[in-house]
Amino acid sequence: MVHLEWRKSSRSLKWECVDVAFADQAVLARDSKRPGSGVLVFSADVWREFVGGLRSGRFDVLGAGE
Protein backbone atom coordinates (compact mmCIF):
# COMPACT_ATOMS: atom_id res chain seq x y z
CA MET A 1 0.00 0.00 0.00
CA VAL A 2 1.32 3.44 -0.94
CA HIS A 3 1.26 6.16 1.72
CA LEU A 4 0.17 9.54 0.33
CA GLU A 5 0.98 12.81 2.05
CA TRP A 6 -2.02 15.04 1.44
CA ARG A 7 -1.42 18.81 1.45
CA LYS A 8 -3.85 21.68 1.70
CA SER A 9 -3.21 25.04 0.10
CA SER A 10 -2.37 27.82 2.52
CA ARG A 11 -4.77 29.96 0.48
CA SER A 12 -7.75 27.67 1.09
CA LEU A 13 -10.71 29.08 2.95
CA LYS A 14 -11.93 27.26 6.03
CA TRP A 15 -14.65 25.21 4.26
CA GLU A 16 -13.52 25.38 0.62
CA CYS A 17 -10.42 23.22 0.46
CA VAL A 18 -8.79 20.85 -1.93
CA ASP A 19 -6.16 18.40 -0.76
CA VAL A 20 -3.36 17.43 -3.16
CA ALA A 21 -0.93 14.50 -3.03
CA PHE A 22 2.01 13.71 -5.29
CA ALA A 23 2.82 10.13 -6.35
CA ASP A 24 5.42 9.20 -8.97
CA GLN A 25 4.22 10.77 -12.23
CA ALA A 26 0.71 11.62 -10.96
CA VAL A 27 -0.96 14.30 -8.90
CA LEU A 28 -4.09 13.42 -6.93
CA ALA A 29 -6.74 15.88 -5.74
CA ARG A 30 -9.69 15.40 -3.39
CA ASP A 31 -12.31 17.37 -1.48
CA SER A 32 -10.88 17.89 2.01
CA LYS A 33 -14.36 17.99 3.52
CA ARG A 34 -15.16 14.52 2.12
CA PRO A 35 -11.82 12.72 1.65
CA GLY A 36 -13.50 9.35 1.07
CA SER A 37 -15.74 10.59 -1.73
CA GLY A 38 -13.23 10.11 -4.53
CA VAL A 39 -9.98 11.30 -6.02
CA LEU A 40 -9.12 13.02 -9.29
CA VAL A 41 -5.85 11.88 -10.88
CA PHE A 42 -3.80 14.12 -13.18
CA SER A 43 -0.55 13.51 -15.01
CA ALA A 44 2.35 15.65 -13.80
CA ASP A 45 2.39 17.52 -17.13
CA VAL A 46 -1.32 18.37 -16.97
CA TRP A 47 -0.95 19.51 -13.34
CA ARG A 48 1.98 21.81 -14.24
CA GLU A 49 -0.09 23.35 -17.04
CA PHE A 50 -3.03 23.86 -14.68
CA VAL A 51 -0.88 25.49 -11.98
CA GLY A 52 0.75 27.69 -14.63
CA GLY A 53 -2.72 28.81 -15.72
CA LEU A 54 -3.63 29.66 -12.14
CA ARG A 55 -0.45 31.69 -11.66
CA SER A 56 -0.95 33.57 -14.93
CA GLY A 57 -4.54 34.49 -14.05
CA ARG A 58 -5.99 32.52 -16.96
CA PHE A 59 -8.87 31.26 -14.79
CA ASP A 60 -9.55 34.43 -12.81
CA VAL A 61 -12.75 35.30 -14.68
CA LEU A 62 -14.10 32.08 -16.13
CA GLY A 63 -16.73 32.66 -18.77
CA ALA A 64 -16.06 36.40 -19.13
CA GLY A 65 -16.44 37.56 -22.70
CA GLU A 66 -18.04 34.33 -23.90
PDB file of N, CA and C in Angstrom:
ATOM      1  N   MET A   1       0.848  -1.187   0.000  1.00  0.00           N
ATOM      2  CA  MET A   1       0.000   0.000   0.000  1.00  0.00           C
ATOM      3  C   MET A   1       0.889   1.244   0.000  1.00  0.00           C
ATOM      4  N   VAL A   2       0.557   2.203  -0.827  1.00  0.00           N
ATOM      5  CA  VAL A   2       1.317   3.440  -0.938  1.00  0.00           C
ATOM      6  C   VAL A   2       0.766   4.473   0.047  1.00  0.00           C
ATOM      7  N   HIS A   3       1.653   5.095   0.795  1.00  0.00           N
ATOM      8  CA  HIS A   3       1.259   6.163   1.716  1.00  0.00           C
ATOM      9  C   HIS A   3       1.315   7.492   0.970  1.00  0.00           C
ATOM     10  N   LEU A   4       0.216   8.227   0.969  1.00  0.00           N
ATOM     11  CA  LEU A   4       0.171   9.536   0.330  1.00  0.00           C
ATOM     12  C   LEU A   4       0.180  10.621   1.397  1.00  0.00           C
ATOM     13  N   GLU A   5       0.964  11.648   1.155  1.00  0.00           N
ATOM     14  CA  GLU A   5       0.977  12.806   2.050  1.00  0.00           C
ATOM     15  C   GLU A   5       0.101  13.882   1.420  1.00  0.00           C
ATOM     16  N   TRP A   6      -1.077  14.067   1.966  1.00  0.00           N
ATOM     17  CA  TRP A   6      -2.024  15.042   1.445  1.00  0.00           C
ATOM     18  C   TRP A   6      -1.671  16.427   1.975  1.00  0.00           C
ATOM     19  N   ARG A   7      -1.722  17.415   1.079  1.00  0.00           N
ATOM     20  CA  ARG A   7      -1.415  18.809   1.448  1.00  0.00           C
ATOM     21  C   ARG A   7      -2.604  19.696   1.107  1.00  0.00           C
ATOM     22  N   LYS A   8      -2.786  20.705   1.930  1.00  0.00           N
ATOM     23  CA  LYS A   8      -3.850  21.684   1.697  1.00  0.00           C
ATOM     24  C   LYS A   8      -3.208  23.026   1.405  1.00  0.00           C
ATOM     25  N   SER A   9      -3.739  23.739   0.446  1.00  0.00           N
ATOM     26  CA  SER A   9      -3.206  25.044   0.102  1.00  0.00           C
ATOM     27  C   SER A   9      -3.323  26.001   1.282  1.00  0.00           C
ATOM     28  N   SER A  10      -2.306  26.808   1.474  1.00  0.00           N
ATOM     29  CA  SER A  10      -2.366  27.824   2.520  1.00  0.00           C
ATOM     30  C   SER A  10      -3.365  28.921   2.167  1.00  0.00           C
ATOM     31  N   ARG A  11      -3.794  28.954   0.918  1.00  0.00           N
ATOM     32  CA  ARG A  11      -4.774  29.961   0.479  1.00  0.00           C
ATOM     33  C   ARG A  11      -6.210  29.463   0.561  1.00  0.00           C
ATOM     34  N   SER A  12      -6.402  28.236   0.992  1.00  0.00           N
ATOM     35  CA  SER A  12      -7.747  27.675   1.093  1.00  0.00           C
ATOM     36  C   SER A  12      -8.533  28.381   2.185  1.00  0.00           C
ATOM     37  N   LEU A  13      -9.813  28.552   1.923  1.00  0.00           N
ATOM     38  CA  LEU A  13     -10.707  29.078   2.946  1.00  0.00           C
ATOM     39  C   LEU A  13     -11.076  27.938   3.878  1.00  0.00           C
ATOM     40  N   LYS A  14     -11.659  28.265   5.005  1.00  0.00           N
ATOM     41  CA  LYS A  14     -11.931  27.255   6.030  1.00  0.00           C
ATOM     42  C   LYS A  14     -12.731  26.071   5.487  1.00  0.00           C
ATOM     43  N   TRP A  15     -13.772  26.295   4.715  1.00  0.00           N
ATOM     44  CA  TRP A  15     -14.650  25.207   4.260  1.00  0.00           C
ATOM     45  C   TRP A  15     -14.523  24.919   2.773  1.00  0.00           C
ATOM     46  N   GLU A  16     -13.659  25.576   2.067  1.00  0.00           N
ATOM     47  CA  GLU A  16     -13.521  25.380   0.618  1.00  0.00           C
ATOM     48  C   GLU A  16     -12.098  24.943   0.311  1.00  0.00           C
ATOM     49  N   CYS A  17     -11.802  23.675   0.576  1.00  0.00           N
ATOM     50  CA  CYS A  17     -10.422  23.223   0.465  1.00  0.00           C
ATOM     51  C   CYS A  17     -10.282  22.024  -0.465  1.00  0.00           C
ATOM     52  N   VAL A  18      -9.172  21.991  -1.116  1.00  0.00           N
ATOM     53  CA  VAL A  18      -8.792  20.850  -1.934  1.00  0.00           C
ATOM     54  C   VAL A  18      -7.473  20.341  -1.383  1.00  0.00           C
ATOM     55  N   ASP A  19      -7.408  19.029  -1.169  1.00  0.00           N
ATOM     56  CA  ASP A  19      -6.155  18.402  -0.760  1.00  0.00           C
ATOM     57  C   ASP A  19      -5.468  17.867  -2.008  1.00  0.00           C
ATOM     58  N   VAL A  20      -4.145  17.918  -2.023  1.00  0.00           N
ATOM     59  CA  VAL A  20      -3.361  17.430  -3.159  1.00  0.00           C
ATOM     60  C   VAL A  20      -2.264  16.511  -2.633  1.00  0.00           C
ATOM     61  N   ALA A  21      -2.024  15.423  -3.366  1.00  0.00           N
ATOM     62  CA  ALA A  21      -0.934  14.501  -3.029  1.00  0.00           C
ATOM     63  C   ALA A  21      -0.152  14.206  -4.307  1.00  0.00           C
ATOM     64  N   PHE A  22       1.136  13.990  -4.159  1.00  0.00           N
ATOM     65  CA  PHE A  22       2.013  13.710  -5.293  1.00  0.00           C
ATOM     66  C   PHE A  22       2.502  12.274  -5.201  1.00  0.00           C
ATOM     67  N   ALA A  23       2.392  11.530  -6.314  1.00  0.00           N
ATOM     68  CA  ALA A  23       2.816  10.128  -6.347  1.00  0.00           C
ATOM     69  C   ALA A  23       3.426   9.821  -7.711  1.00  0.00           C
ATOM     70  N   ASP A  24       4.708   9.519  -7.724  1.00  0.00           N
ATOM     71  CA  ASP A  24       5.421   9.197  -8.968  1.00  0.00           C
ATOM     72  C   ASP A  24       5.133  10.239 -10.036  1.00  0.00           C
ATOM     73  N   GLN A  25       4.502   9.853 -11.115  1.00  0.00           N
ATOM     74  CA  GLN A  25       4.218  10.770 -12.228  1.00  0.00           C
ATOM     75  C   GLN A  25       2.775  11.267 -12.214  1.00  0.00           C
ATOM     76  N   ALA A  26       2.113  11.206 -11.058  1.00  0.00           N
ATOM     77  CA  ALA A  26       0.715  11.615 -10.959  1.00  0.00           C
ATOM     78  C   ALA A  26       0.511  12.596  -9.815  1.00  0.00           C
ATOM     79  N   VAL A  27      -0.530  13.389  -9.951  1.00  0.00           N
ATOM     80  CA  VAL A  27      -0.960  14.300  -8.900  1.00  0.00           C
ATOM     81  C   VAL A  27      -2.419  13.966  -8.608  1.00  0.00           C
ATOM     82  N   LEU A  28      -2.741  13.786  -7.339  1.00  0.00           N
ATOM     83  CA  LEU A  28      -4.089  13.424  -6.931  1.00  0.00           C
ATOM     84  C   LEU A  28      -4.720  14.592  -6.194  1.00  0.00           C
ATOM     85  N   ALA A  29      -6.019  14.796  -6.401  1.00  0.00           N
ATOM     86  CA  ALA A  29      -6.741  15.883  -5.735  1.00  0.00           C
ATOM     87  C   ALA A  29      -8.040  15.326  -5.176  1.00  0.00           C
ATOM     88  N   ARG A  30      -8.444  15.847  -4.024  1.00  0.00           N
ATOM     89  CA  ARG A  30      -9.693  15.401  -3.394  1.00  0.00           C
ATOM     90  C   ARG A  30     -10.316  16.554  -2.617  1.00  0.00           C
ATOM     91  N   ASP A  31     -11.584  16.413  -2.300  1.00  0.00           N
ATOM     92  CA  ASP A  31     -12.314  17.372  -1.477  1.00  0.00           C
ATOM     93  C   ASP A  31     -11.926  17.116  -0.024  1.00  0.00           C
ATOM     94  N   SER A  32     -11.345  18.094   0.640  1.00  0.00           N
ATOM     95  CA  SER A  32     -10.879  17.890   2.009  1.00  0.00           C
ATOM     96  C   SER A  32     -12.033  17.684   2.990  1.00  0.00           C
ATOM     97  N   LYS A  33     -13.217  18.163   2.641  1.00  0.00           N
ATOM     98  CA  LYS A  33     -14.364  17.989   3.521  1.00  0.00           C
ATOM     99  C   LYS A  33     -14.900  16.559   3.461  1.00  0.00           C
ATOM    100  N   ARG A  34     -14.672  15.887   2.323  1.00  0.00           N
ATOM    101  CA  ARG A  34     -15.162  14.524   2.116  1.00  0.00           C
ATOM    102  C   ARG A  34     -14.052  13.680   1.488  1.00  0.00           C
ATOM    103  N   PRO A  35     -12.984  13.405   2.219  1.00  0.00           N
ATOM    104  CA  PRO A  35     -11.824  12.720   1.646  1.00  0.00           C
ATOM    105  C   PRO A  35     -12.108  11.324   1.112  1.00  0.00           C
ATOM    106  N   GLY A  36     -13.168  10.683   1.562  1.00  0.00           N
ATOM    107  CA  GLY A  36     -13.496   9.347   1.073  1.00  0.00           C
ATOM    108  C   GLY A  36     -14.404   9.342  -0.137  1.00  0.00           C
ATOM    109  N   SER A  37     -14.762  10.513  -0.643  1.00  0.00           N
ATOM    110  CA  SER A  37     -15.739  10.590  -1.726  1.00  0.00           C
ATOM    111  C   SER A  37     -15.152  10.393  -3.116  1.00  0.00           C
ATOM    112  N   GLY A  38     -13.844  10.332  -3.231  1.00  0.00           N
ATOM    113  CA  GLY A  38     -13.230  10.114  -4.533  1.00  0.00           C
ATOM    114  C   GLY A  38     -12.004  10.979  -4.729  1.00  0.00           C
ATOM    115  N   VAL A  39     -11.235  10.612  -5.724  1.00  0.00           N
ATOM    116  CA  VAL A  39      -9.978  11.296  -6.018  1.00  0.00           C
ATOM    117  C   VAL A  39      -9.882  11.544  -7.512  1.00  0.00           C
ATOM    118  N   LEU A  40      -9.429  12.716  -7.896  1.00  0.00           N
ATOM    119  CA  LEU A  40      -9.118  13.018  -9.286  1.00  0.00           C
ATOM    120  C   LEU A  40      -7.628  12.797  -9.496  1.00  0.00           C
ATOM    121  N   VAL A  41      -7.254  12.174 -10.607  1.00  0.00           N
ATOM    122  CA  VAL A  41      -5.853  11.877 -10.885  1.00  0.00           C
ATOM    123  C   VAL A  41      -5.432  12.616 -12.149  1.00  0.00           C
ATOM    124  N   PHE A  42      -4.324  13.345 -12.068  1.00  0.00           N
ATOM    125  CA  PHE A  42      -3.797  14.120 -13.179  1.00  0.00           C
ATOM    126  C   PHE A  42      -2.363  13.691 -13.452  1.00  0.00           C
ATOM    127  N   SER A  43      -1.959  13.736 -14.710  1.00  0.00           N
ATOM    128  CA  SER A  43      -0.546  13.508 -15.009  1.00  0.00           C
ATOM    129  C   SER A  43       0.240  14.721 -14.510  1.00  0.00           C
ATOM    130  N   ALA A  44       1.522  14.544 -14.268  1.00  0.00           N
ATOM    131  CA  ALA A  44       2.353  15.646 -13.799  1.00  0.00           C
ATOM    132  C   ALA A  44       2.364  16.792 -14.805  1.00  0.00           C
ATOM    133  N   ASP A  45       2.393  16.473 -16.098  1.00  0.00           N
ATOM    134  CA  ASP A  45       2.394  17.520 -17.131  1.00  0.00           C
ATOM    135  C   ASP A  45       1.109  18.331 -17.123  1.00  0.00           C
ATOM    136  N   VAL A  46      -0.029  17.667 -17.006  1.00  0.00           N
ATOM    137  CA  VAL A  46      -1.319  18.367 -16.966  1.00  0.00           C
ATOM    138  C   VAL A  46      -1.406  19.234 -15.713  1.00  0.00           C
ATOM    139  N   TRP A  47      -0.920  18.729 -14.581  1.00  0.00           N
ATOM    140  CA  TRP A  47      -0.946  19.509 -13.341  1.00  0.00           C
ATOM    141  C   TRP A  47      -0.089  20.769 -13.465  1.00  0.00           C
ATOM    142  N   ARG A  48       1.118  20.630 -14.053  1.00  0.00           N
ATOM    143  CA  ARG A  48       1.985  21.806 -14.238  1.00  0.00           C
ATOM    144  C   ARG A  48       1.298  22.845 -15.116  1.00  0.00           C
ATOM    145  N   GLU A  49       0.625  22.404 -16.165  1.00  0.00           N
ATOM    146  CA  GLU A  49      -0.087  23.346 -17.041  1.00  0.00           C
ATOM    147  C   GLU A  49      -1.219  24.037 -16.281  1.00  0.00           C
ATOM    148  N   PHE A  50      -1.949  23.289 -15.476  1.00  0.00           N
ATOM    149  CA  PHE A  50      -3.035  23.855 -14.676  1.00  0.00           C
ATOM    150  C   PHE A  50      -2.508  24.902 -13.692  1.00  0.00           C
ATOM    151  N   VAL A  51      -1.462  24.561 -12.950  1.00  0.00           N
ATOM    152  CA  VAL A  51      -0.882  25.494 -11.977  1.00  0.00           C
ATOM    153  C   VAL A  51      -0.332  26.729 -12.689  1.00  0.00           C
ATOM    154  N   GLY A  52       0.280  26.544 -13.850  1.00  0.00           N
ATOM    155  CA  GLY A  52       0.749  27.691 -14.634  1.00  0.00           C
ATOM    156  C   GLY A  52      -0.394  28.607 -15.022  1.00  0.00           C
ATOM    157  N   GLY A  53      -1.539  28.016 -15.390  1.00  0.00           N
ATOM    158  CA  GLY A  53      -2.720  28.811 -15.718  1.00  0.00           C
ATOM    159  C   GLY A  53      -3.240  29.583 -14.518  1.00  0.00           C
ATOM    160  N   LEU A  54      -3.212  28.956 -13.354  1.00  0.00           N
ATOM    161  CA  LEU A  54      -3.627  29.658 -12.136  1.00  0.00           C
ATOM    162  C   LEU A  54      -2.725  30.853 -11.861  1.00  0.00           C
ATOM    163  N   ARG A  55      -1.420  30.620 -11.957  1.00  0.00           N
ATOM    164  CA  ARG A  55      -0.453  31.690 -11.662  1.00  0.00           C
ATOM    165  C   ARG A  55      -0.538  32.836 -12.661  1.00  0.00           C
ATOM    166  N   SER A  56      -0.874  32.533 -13.913  1.00  0.00           N
ATOM    167  CA  SER A  56      -0.950  33.574 -14.934  1.00  0.00           C
ATOM    168  C   SER A  56      -2.275  34.332 -14.903  1.00  0.00           C
ATOM    169  N   GLY A  57      -3.241  33.834 -14.122  1.00  0.00           N
ATOM    170  CA  GLY A  57      -4.544  34.488 -14.055  1.00  0.00           C
ATOM    171  C   GLY A  57      -5.504  34.020 -15.122  1.00  0.00           C
ATOM    172  N   ARG A  58      -5.153  32.993 -15.859  1.00  0.00           N
ATOM    173  CA  ARG A  58      -5.988  32.516 -16.960  1.00  0.00           C
ATOM    174  C   ARG A  58      -7.389  32.129 -16.506  1.00  0.00           C
ATOM    175  N   PHE A  59      -7.565  31.712 -15.264  1.00  0.00           N
ATOM    176  CA  PHE A  59      -8.868  31.262 -14.793  1.00  0.00           C
ATOM    177  C   PHE A  59      -9.546  32.272 -13.875  1.00  0.00           C
ATOM    178  N   ASP A  60      -9.006  33.460 -13.756  1.00  0.00           N
ATOM    179  CA  ASP A  60      -9.548  34.433 -12.814  1.00  0.00           C
ATOM    180  C   ASP A  60     -10.993  34.813 -13.090  1.00  0.00           C
ATOM    181  N   VAL A  61     -11.371  34.909 -14.332  1.00  0.00           N
ATOM    182  CA  VAL A  61     -12.746  35.298 -14.678  1.00  0.00           C
ATOM    183  C   VAL A  61     -13.272  34.292 -15.694  1.00  0.00           C
ATOM    184  N   LEU A  62     -13.591  33.119 -15.226  1.00  0.00           N
ATOM    185  CA  LEU A  62     -14.103  32.082 -16.128  1.00  0.00           C
ATOM    186  C   LEU A  62     -15.402  32.540 -16.768  1.00  0.00           C
ATOM    187  N   GLY A  63     -15.512  32.342 -18.057  1.00  0.00           N
ATOM    188  CA  GLY A  63     -16.734  32.663 -18.774  1.00  0.00           C
ATOM    189  C   GLY A  63     -16.853  34.119 -19.187  1.00  0.00           C
ATOM    190  N   ALA A  64     -15.982  34.981 -18.759  1.00  0.00           N
ATOM    191  CA  ALA A  64     -16.061  36.398 -19.131  1.00  0.00           C
ATOM    192  C   ALA A  64     -15.795  36.554 -20.619  1.00  0.00           C
ATOM    193  N   GLY A  65     -16.628  37.279 -21.283  1.00  0.00           N
ATOM    194  CA  GLY A  65     -16.444  37.560 -22.700  1.00  0.00           C
ATOM    195  C   GLY A  65     -16.925  36.438 -23.609  1.00  0.00           C
ATOM    196  N   GLU A  66     -17.540  35.411 -23.055  1.00  0.00           N
ATOM    197  CA  GLU A  66     -18.040  34.329 -23.899  1.00  0.00           C
ATOM    198  C   GLU A  66     -19.490  34.541 -24.220  1.00  0.00           C
TER     199      GLU A  66
END
